[in-house]
Amino acid sequence: MPFYEYRCKQCKHEFEEFQKMSDDPLTECPECKGIVVRLISIGMCDVKYDARELYEKVIRPEAKEIADKIRNGDEDAAADIFGEPK
């Protein structure tokens, strides 16, 4: 069963509720009894890198490699990056 996040339209109170996926969304704020909306959020998952590590270890080296290929005249690398047919 997942956690769902809600926010009250009236008092802006945010809270989580542990519910079955088949349960109807909540409609009433526990604080002020106003109308709540269910928020979209990322699920819980095992993350290998934080954003900085992802950039430094994955994105940056790959981008550098492609840039080096383009600088050295590799037309296929340039076509791949710009989505052009070879």
PDB file of N, CA and C in Angstrom:
ATOM      1  N   MET A   1       0.839  -1.185   0.000  1.00  0.00           N
ATOM      2  CA  MET A   1       0.000   0.000   0.000  1.00  0.00           C
ATOM      3  C   MET A   1       0.884   1.249   0.000  1.00  0.00           C
ATOM      4  N   PRO A   2       0.597   2.172  -0.882  1.00  0.00           N
ATOM      5  CA  PRO A   2       1.415   3.390  -0.976  1.00  0.00           C
ATOM      6  C   PRO A   2       0.920   4.517  -0.077  1.00  0.00           C
ATOM      7  N   PHE A   3       1.815   5.467   0.126  1.00  0.00           N
ATOM      8  CA  PHE A   3       1.441   6.726   0.785  1.00  0.00           C
ATOM      9  C   PHE A   3       0.977   7.687  -0.293  1.00  0.00           C
ATOM     10  N   TYR A   4      -0.069   8.424  -0.007  1.00  0.00           N
ATOM     11  CA  TYR A   4      -0.536   9.470  -0.899  1.00  0.00           C
ATOM     12  C   TYR A   4      -0.421  10.804  -0.167  1.00  0.00           C
ATOM     13  N   GLU A   5      -0.032  11.826  -0.906  1.00  0.00           N
ATOM     14  CA  GLU A   5       0.109  13.157  -0.325  1.00  0.00           C
ATOM     15  C   GLU A   5      -1.082  14.014  -0.724  1.00  0.00           C
ATOM     16  N   TYR A   6      -1.533  14.815   0.214  1.00  0.00           N
ATOM     17  CA  TYR A   6      -2.687  15.688   0.004  1.00  0.00           C
ATOM     18  C   TYR A   6      -2.364  17.102   0.465  1.00  0.00           C
ATOM     19  N   ARG A   7      -3.084  18.072  -0.133  1.00  0.00           N
ATOM     20  CA  ARG A   7      -2.984  19.470   0.304  1.00  0.00           C
ATOM     21  C   ARG A   7      -4.397  20.051   0.349  1.00  0.00           C
ATOM     22  N   CYS A   8      -4.661  20.772   1.416  1.00  0.00           N
ATOM     23  CA  CYS A   8      -5.962  21.422   1.571  1.00  0.00           C
ATOM     24  C   CYS A   8      -5.989  22.697   0.726  1.00  0.00           C
ATOM     25  N   LYS A   9      -7.071  22.872  -0.026  1.00  0.00           N
ATOM     26  CA  LYS A   9      -7.228  24.079  -0.841  1.00  0.00           C
ATOM     27  C   LYS A   9      -7.445  25.315   0.023  1.00  0.00           C
ATOM     28  N   GLN A  10      -8.029  25.116   1.199  1.00  0.00           N
ATOM     29  CA  GLN A  10      -8.367  26.253   2.060  1.00  0.00           C
ATOM     30  C   GLN A  10      -7.213  26.679   2.963  1.00  0.00           C
ATOM     31  N   CYS A  11      -6.725  25.764   3.802  1.00  0.00           N
ATOM     32  CA  CYS A  11      -5.698  26.147   4.789  1.00  0.00           C
ATOM     33  C   CYS A  11      -4.279  25.777   4.358  1.00  0.00           C
ATOM     34  N   LYS A  12      -4.132  25.095   3.215  1.00  0.00           N
ATOM     35  CA  LYS A  12      -2.834  24.698   2.637  1.00  0.00           C
ATOM     36  C   LYS A  12      -2.111  23.632   3.467  1.00  0.00           C
ATOM     37  N   HIS A  13      -2.795  23.025   4.419  1.00  0.00           N
ATOM     38  CA  HIS A  13      -2.204  21.944   5.228  1.00  0.00           C
ATOM     39  C   HIS A  13      -1.853  20.779   4.301  1.00  0.00           C
ATOM     40  N   GLU A  14      -0.637  20.242   4.432  1.00  0.00           N
ATOM     41  CA  GLU A  14      -0.211  19.086   3.659  1.00  0.00           C
ATOM     42  C   GLU A  14      -0.045  17.901   4.593  1.00  0.00           C
ATOM     43  N   PHE A  15      -0.462  16.734   4.113  1.00  0.00           N
ATOM     44  CA  PHE A  15      -0.350  15.531   4.921  1.00  0.00           C
ATOM     45  C   PHE A  15      -0.266  14.306   4.026  1.00  0.00           C
ATOM     46  N   GLU A  16       0.158  13.189   4.597  1.00  0.00           N
ATOM     47  CA  GLU A  16       0.254  11.917   3.892  1.00  0.00           C
ATOM     48  C   GLU A  16      -0.749  10.952   4.481  1.00  0.00           C
ATOM     49  N   GLU A  17      -1.227  10.063   3.632  1.00  0.00           N
ATOM     50  CA  GLU A  17      -2.166   9.039   4.081  1.00  0.00           C
ATOM     51  C   GLU A  17      -1.764   7.708   3.445  1.00  0.00           C
ATOM     52  N   PHE A  18      -1.676   6.676   4.261  1.00  0.00           N
ATOM     53  CA  PHE A  18      -1.343   5.334   3.816  1.00  0.00           C
ATOM     54  C   PHE A  18      -2.646   4.670   3.383  1.00  0.00           C
ATOM     55  N   GLN A  19      -2.808   4.422   2.063  1.00  0.00           N
ATOM     56  CA  GLN A  19      -4.061   3.906   1.546  1.00  0.00           C
ATOM     57  C   GLN A  19      -3.824   2.798   0.535  1.00  0.00           C
ATOM     58  N   LYS A  20      -4.833   1.970   0.341  1.00  0.00           N
ATOM     59  CA  LYS A  20      -4.800   0.989  -0.738  1.00  0.00           C
ATOM     60  C   LYS A  20      -4.939   1.741  -2.055  1.00  0.00           C
ATOM     61  N   MET A  21      -4.392   1.178  -3.120  1.00  0.00           N
ATOM     62  CA  MET A  21      -4.526   1.808  -4.430  1.00  0.00           C
ATOM     63  C   MET A  21      -5.984   1.844  -4.874  1.00  0.00           C
ATOM     64  N   SER A  22      -6.777   0.919  -4.391  1.00  0.00           N
ATOM     65  CA  SER A  22      -8.185   0.861  -4.769  1.00  0.00           C
ATOM     66  C   SER A  22      -9.067   1.802  -3.942  1.00  0.00           C
ATOM     67  N   ASP A  23      -8.523   2.384  -2.869  1.00  0.00           N
ATOM     68  CA  ASP A  23      -9.300   3.320  -2.045  1.00  0.00           C
ATOM     69  C   ASP A  23      -9.596   4.607  -2.806  1.00  0.00           C
ATOM     70  N   ASP A  24     -10.744   5.189  -2.540  1.00  0.00           N
ATOM     71  CA  ASP A  24     -11.072   6.497  -3.119  1.00  0.00           C
ATOM     72  C   ASP A  24     -10.172   7.557  -2.494  1.00  0.00           C
ATOM     73  N   PRO A  25      -9.817   8.591  -3.268  1.00  0.00           N
ATOM     74  CA  PRO A  25      -9.015   9.677  -2.694  1.00  0.00           C
ATOM     75  C   PRO A  25      -9.768  10.360  -1.554  1.00  0.00           C
ATOM     76  N   LEU A  26      -9.012  10.883  -0.590  1.00  0.00           N
ATOM     77  CA  LEU A  26      -9.626  11.640   0.496  1.00  0.00           C
ATOM     78  C   LEU A  26     -10.178  12.949  -0.059  1.00  0.00           C
ATOM     79  N   THR A  27     -11.163  13.508   0.621  1.00  0.00           N
ATOM     80  CA  THR A  27     -11.782  14.748   0.157  1.00  0.00           C
ATOM     81  C   THR A  27     -11.801  15.837   1.216  1.00  0.00           C
ATOM     82  N   GLU A  28     -11.539  15.466   2.488  1.00  0.00           N
ATOM     83  CA  GLU A  28     -11.696  16.428   3.579  1.00  0.00           C
ATOM     84  C   GLU A  28     -10.407  16.599   4.374  1.00  0.00           C
ATOM     85  N   CYS A  29     -10.039  17.844   4.634  1.00  0.00           N
ATOM     86  CA  CYS A  29      -8.849  18.172   5.412  1.00  0.00           C
ATOM     87  C   CYS A  29      -9.068  17.804   6.887  1.00  0.00           C
ATOM     88  N   PRO A  30      -8.105  17.119   7.517  1.00  0.00           N
ATOM     89  CA  PRO A  30      -8.252  16.776   8.925  1.00  0.00           C
ATOM     90  C   PRO A  30      -8.124  17.990   9.850  1.00  0.00           C
ATOM     91  N   GLU A  31      -7.571  19.083   9.344  1.00  0.00           N
ATOM     92  CA  GLU A  31      -7.377  20.287  10.160  1.00  0.00           C
ATOM     93  C   GLU A  31      -8.594  21.205  10.148  1.00  0.00           C
ATOM     94  N   CYS A  32      -9.073  21.548   8.937  1.00  0.00           N
ATOM     95  CA  CYS A  32     -10.127  22.563   8.845  1.00  0.00           C
ATOM     96  C   CYS A  32     -11.397  22.059   8.170  1.00  0.00           C
ATOM     97  N   LYS A  33     -11.384  20.809   7.737  1.00  0.00           N
ATOM     98  CA  LYS A  33     -12.522  20.182   7.042  1.00  0.00           C
ATOM     99  C   LYS A  33     -12.744  20.743   5.644  1.00  0.00           C
ATOM    100  N   GLY A  34     -11.740  21.481   5.102  1.00  0.00           N
ATOM    101  CA  GLY A  34     -11.820  21.992   3.740  1.00  0.00           C
ATOM    102  C   GLY A  34     -11.589  20.881   2.724  1.00  0.00           C
ATOM    103  N   ILE A  35     -11.693  21.225   1.455  1.00  0.00           N
ATOM    104  CA  ILE A  35     -11.503  20.267   0.361  1.00  0.00           C
ATOM    105  C   ILE A  35     -10.009  20.056   0.130  1.00  0.00           C
ATOM    106  N   VAL A  36      -9.615  18.779  -0.023  1.00  0.00           N
ATOM    107  CA  VAL A  36      -8.215  18.466  -0.291  1.00  0.00           C
ATOM    108  C   VAL A  36      -8.056  17.935  -1.712  1.00  0.00           C
ATOM    109  N   VAL A  37      -6.855  18.105  -2.244  1.00  0.00           N
ATOM    110  CA  VAL A  37      -6.487  17.527  -3.534  1.00  0.00           C
ATOM    111  C   VAL A  37      -5.296  16.611  -3.313  1.00  0.00           C
ATOM    112  N   ARG A  38      -5.270  15.528  -4.084  1.00  0.00           N
ATOM    113  CA  ARG A  38      -4.141  14.606  -3.988  1.00  0.00           C
ATOM    114  C   ARG A  38      -3.011  15.152  -4.857  1.00  0.00           C
ATOM    115  N   LEU A  39      -1.809  15.167  -4.327  1.00  0.00           N
ATOM    116  CA  LEU A  39      -0.653  15.708  -5.025  1.00  0.00           C
ATOM    117  C   LEU A  39       0.052  14.625  -5.816  1.00  0.00           C
ATOM    118  N   ILE A  40       0.719  15.031  -6.849  1.00  0.00           N
ATOM    119  CA  ILE A  40       1.561  14.118  -7.608  1.00  0.00           C
ATOM    120  C   ILE A  40       2.944  14.179  -6.992  1.00  0.00           C
ATOM    121  N   SER A  41       3.495  13.023  -6.695  1.00  0.00           N
ATOM    122  CA  SER A  41       4.824  12.998  -6.088  1.00  0.00           C
ATOM    123  C   SER A  41       5.601  11.814  -6.619  1.00  0.00           C
ATOM    124  N   ILE A  42       6.902  11.853  -6.418  1.00  0.00           N
ATOM    125  CA  ILE A  42       7.717  10.726  -6.853  1.00  0.00           C
ATOM    126  C   ILE A  42       7.564   9.597  -5.850  1.00  0.00           C
ATOM    127  N   GLY A  43       7.632   8.405  -6.342  1.00  0.00           N
ATOM    128  CA  GLY A  43       7.527   7.244  -5.479  1.00  0.00           C
ATOM    129  C   GLY A  43       8.818   6.996  -4.725  1.00  0.00           C
ATOM    130  N   MET A  44       8.730   6.149  -3.758  1.00  0.00           N
ATOM    131  CA  MET A  44       9.915   5.767  -3.009  1.00  0.00           C
ATOM    132  C   MET A  44      10.695   4.766  -3.852  1.00  0.00           C
ATOM    133  N   CYS A  45      11.946   5.019  -4.027  1.00  0.00           N
ATOM    134  CA  CYS A  45      12.773   4.097  -4.791  1.00  0.00           C
ATOM    135  C   CYS A  45      14.207   4.209  -4.291  1.00  0.00           C
ATOM    136  N   ASP A  46      14.969   3.251  -4.657  1.00  0.00           N
ATOM    137  CA  ASP A  46      16.363   3.235  -4.267  1.00  0.00           C
ATOM    138  C   ASP A  46      17.144   4.073  -5.276  1.00  0.00           C
ATOM    139  N   VAL A  47      17.738   5.150  -4.835  1.00  0.00           N
ATOM    140  CA  VAL A  47      18.451   6.055  -5.724  1.00  0.00           C
ATOM    141  C   VAL A  47      19.948   5.831  -5.571  1.00  0.00           C
ATOM    142  N   LYS A  48      20.594   5.584  -6.702  1.00  0.00           N
ATOM    143  CA  LYS A  48      22.023   5.315  -6.668  1.00  0.00           C
ATOM    144  C   LYS A  48      22.835   6.602  -6.544  1.00  0.00           C
ATOM    145  N   TYR A  49      22.426   7.660  -7.241  1.00  0.00           N
ATOM    146  CA  TYR A  49      23.157   8.929  -7.231  1.00  0.00           C
ATOM    147  C   TYR A  49      22.220  10.071  -6.868  1.00  0.00           C
ATOM    148  N   ASP A  50      22.756  11.091  -6.205  1.00  0.00           N
ATOM    149  CA  ASP A  50      21.981  12.317  -6.092  1.00  0.00           C
ATOM    150  C   ASP A  50      22.227  13.112  -7.373  1.00  0.00           C
ATOM    151  N   ALA A  51      21.575  14.233  -7.536  1.00  0.00           N
ATOM    152  CA  ALA A  51      21.649  14.980  -8.794  1.00  0.00           C
ATOM    153  C   ALA A  51      23.075  15.386  -9.154  1.00  0.00           C
ATOM    154  N   ARG A  52      23.849  15.834  -8.182  1.00  0.00           N
ATOM    155  CA  ARG A  52      25.226  16.264  -8.449  1.00  0.00           C
ATOM    156  C   ARG A  52      26.087  15.079  -8.897  1.00  0.00           C
ATOM    157  N   GLU A  53      25.962  13.950  -8.190  1.00  0.00           N
ATOM    158  CA  GLU A  53      26.728  12.759  -8.570  1.00  0.00           C
ATOM    159  C   GLU A  53      26.318  12.259  -9.949  1.00  0.00           C
ATOM    160  N   LEU A  54      25.020  12.299 -10.247  1.00  0.00           N
ATOM    161  CA  LEU A  54      24.548  11.862 -11.558  1.00  0.00           C
ATOM    162  C   LEU A  54      25.185  12.705 -12.650  1.00  0.00           C
ATOM    163  N   TYR A  55      25.207  14.015 -12.447  1.00  0.00           N
ATOM    164  CA  TYR A  55      25.823  14.902 -13.434  1.00  0.00           C
ATOM    165  C   TYR A  55      27.317  14.621 -13.579  1.00  0.00           C
ATOM    166  N   GLU A  56      28.020  14.555 -12.462  1.00  0.00           N
ATOM    167  CA  GLU A  56      29.476  14.393 -12.491  1.00  0.00           C
ATOM    168  C   GLU A  56      29.918  13.021 -13.001  1.00  0.00           C
ATOM    169  N   LYS A  57      29.189  11.963 -12.631  1.00  0.00           N
ATOM    170  CA  LYS A  57      29.627  10.603 -12.961  1.00  0.00           C
ATOM    171  C   LYS A  57      29.029  10.049 -14.250  1.00  0.00           C
ATOM    172  N   VAL A  58      27.890  10.565 -14.667  1.00  0.00           N
ATOM    173  CA  VAL A  58      27.226   9.977 -15.829  1.00  0.00           C
ATOM    174  C   VAL A  58      27.075  10.981 -16.969  1.00  0.00           C
ATOM    175  N   ILE A  59      26.381  12.063 -16.724  1.00  0.00           N
ATOM    176  CA  ILE A  59      26.038  12.995 -17.796  1.00  0.00           C
ATOM    177  C   ILE A  59      27.256  13.737 -18.322  1.00  0.00           C
ATOM    178  N   ARG A  60      28.037  14.307 -17.431  1.00  0.00           N
ATOM    179  CA  ARG A  60      29.182  15.113 -17.858  1.00  0.00           C
ATOM    180  C   ARG A  60      30.189  14.308 -18.678  1.00  0.00           C
ATOM    181  N   PRO A  61      30.627  13.112 -18.225  1.00  0.00           N
ATOM    182  CA  PRO A  61      31.582  12.357 -19.037  1.00  0.00           C
ATOM    183  C   PRO A  61      31.025  11.989 -20.416  1.00  0.00           C
ATOM    184  N   GLU A  62      29.747  11.611 -20.467  1.00  0.00           N
ATOM    185  CA  GLU A  62      29.152  11.257 -21.753  1.00  0.00           C
ATOM    186  C   GLU A  62      29.080  12.468 -22.668  1.00  0.00           C
ATOM    187  N   ALA A  63      28.684  13.623 -22.122  1.00  0.00           N
ATOM    188  CA  ALA A  63      28.609  14.849 -22.919  1.00  0.00           C
ATOM    189  C   ALA A  63      29.996  15.265 -23.396  1.00  0.00           C
ATOM    190  N   LYS A  64      31.010  15.112 -22.543  1.00  0.00           N
ATOM    191  CA  LYS A  64      32.379  15.458 -22.921  1.00  0.00           C
ATOM    192  C   LYS A  64      32.857  14.557 -24.057  1.00  0.00           C
ATOM    193  N   GLU A  65      32.543  13.273 -23.959  1.00  0.00           N
ATOM    194  CA  GLU A  65      32.949  12.330 -25.006  1.00  0.00           C
ATOM    195  C   GLU A  65      32.316  12.688 -26.349  1.00  0.00           C
ATOM    196  N   ILE A  66      31.028  13.015 -26.338  1.00  0.00           N
ATOM    197  CA  ILE A  66      30.347  13.399 -27.573  1.00  0.00           C
ATOM    198  C   ILE A  66      30.923  14.700 -28.121  1.00  0.00           C
ATOM    199  N   ALA A  67      31.163  15.677 -27.240  1.00  0.00           N
ATOM    200  CA  ALA A  67      31.742  16.956 -27.682  1.00  0.00           C
ATOM    201  C   ALA A  67      33.112  16.748 -28.308  1.00  0.00           C
ATOM    202  N   ASP A  68      33.934  15.885 -27.697  1.00  0.00           N
ATOM    203  CA  ASP A  68      35.268  15.591 -28.258  1.00  0.00           C
ATOM    204  C   ASP A  68      35.155  14.965 -29.645  1.00  0.00           C
ATOM    205  N   LYS A  69      34.209  14.053 -29.812  1.00  0.00           N
ATOM    206  CA  LYS A  69      34.014  13.420 -31.123  1.00  0.00           C
ATOM    207  C   LYS A  69      33.612  14.448 -32.170  1.00  0.00           C
ATOM    208  N   ILE A  70      32.718  15.347 -31.810  1.00  0.00           N
ATOM    209  CA  ILE A  70      32.269  16.371 -32.757  1.00  0.00           C
ATOM    210  C   ILE A  70      33.416  17.307 -33.111  1.00  0.00           C
ATOM    211  N   ARG A  71      34.207  17.704 -32.087  1.00  0.00           N
ATOM    212  CA  ARG A  71      35.369  18.569 -32.348  1.00  0.00           C
ATOM    213  C   ARG A  71      36.360  17.909 -33.297  1.00  0.00           C
ATOM    214  N   ASN A  72      36.464  16.586 -33.217  1.00  0.00           N
ATOM    215  CA  ASN A  72      37.406  15.850 -34.058  1.00  0.00           C
ATOM    216  C   ASN A  72      36.810  15.459 -35.404  1.00  0.00           C
ATOM    217  N   GLY A  73      35.629  16.011 -35.719  1.00  0.00           N
ATOM    218  CA  GLY A  73      35.045  15.801 -37.044  1.00  0.00           C
ATOM    219  C   GLY A  73      34.212  14.541 -37.188  1.00  0.00           C
ATOM    220  N   ASP A  74      33.801  13.930 -36.100  1.00  0.00           N
ATOM    221  CA  ASP A  74      32.969  12.726 -36.178  1.00  0.00           C
ATOM    222  C   ASP A  74      31.532  13.135 -36.502  1.00  0.00           C
ATOM    223  N   GLU A  75      31.187  13.072 -37.790  1.00  0.00           N
ATOM    224  CA  GLU A  75      29.870  13.521 -38.235  1.00  0.00           C
ATOM    225  C   GLU A  75      28.752  12.625 -37.702  1.00  0.00           C
ATOM    226  N   ASP A  76      29.033  11.334 -37.486  1.00  0.00           N
ATOM    227  CA  ASP A  76      28.014  10.431 -36.955  1.00  0.00           C
ATOM    228  C   ASP A  76      27.609  10.830 -35.542  1.00  0.00           C
ATOM    229  N   ALA A  77      28.587  11.247 -34.721  1.00  0.00           N
ATOM    230  CA  ALA A  77      28.282  11.680 -33.356  1.00  0.00           C
ATOM    231  C   ALA A  77      27.410  12.928 -33.388  1.00  0.00           C
ATOM    232  N   ALA A  78      27.720  13.850 -34.291  1.00  0.00           N
ATOM    233  CA  ALA A  78      26.927  15.069 -34.419  1.00  0.00           C
ATOM    234  C   ALA A  78      25.516  14.734 -34.892  1.00  0.00           C
ATOM    235  N   ALA A  79      25.397  13.820 -35.836  1.00  0.00           N
ATOM    236  CA  ALA A  79      24.081  13.418 -36.339  1.00  0.00           C
ATOM    237  C   ALA A  79      23.269  12.758 -35.228  1.00  0.00           C
ATOM    238  N   ASP A  80      23.927  11.915 -34.414  1.00  0.00           N
ATOM    239  CA  ASP A  80      23.226  11.238 -33.315  1.00  0.00           C
ATOM    240  C   ASP A  80      22.677  12.258 -32.309  1.00  0.00           C
ATOM    241  N   ILE A  81      23.492  13.225 -31.944  1.00  0.00           N
ATOM    242  CA  ILE A  81      23.099  14.186 -30.924  1.00  0.00           C
ATOM    243  C   ILE A  81      21.975  15.099 -31.407  1.00  0.00           C
ATOM    244  N   PHE A  82      21.946  15.386 -32.693  1.00  0.00           N
ATOM    245  CA  PHE A  82      20.914  16.265 -33.236  1.00  0.00           C
ATOM    246  C   PHE A  82      19.753  15.494 -33.869  1.00  0.00           C
ATOM    247  N   GLY A  83      19.800  14.158 -33.779  1.00  0.00           N
ATOM    248  CA  GLY A  83      18.713  13.328 -34.273  1.00  0.00           C
ATOM    249  C   GLY A  83      18.569  13.344 -35.775  1.00  0.00           C
ATOM    250  N   GLU A  84      19.658  13.596 -36.489  1.00  0.00           N
ATOM    251  CA  GLU A  84      19.606  13.638 -37.935  1.00  0.00           C
ATOM    252  C   GLU A  84      19.945  12.261 -38.508  1.00  0.00           C
ATOM    253  N   PRO A  85      19.354  11.927 -39.646  1.00  0.00           N
ATOM    254  CA  PRO A  85      19.697  10.658 -40.274  1.00  0.00           C
ATOM    255  C   PRO A  85      21.122  10.664 -40.777  1.00  0.00           C
ATOM    256  N   LYS A  86      21.744   9.516 -40.732  1.00  0.00           N
ATOM    257  CA  LYS A  86      23.155   9.397 -41.174  1.00  0.00           C
ATOM    258  C   LYS A  86      23.245   9.214 -42.667  1.00  0.00           C
TER     259      LYS A  86
END
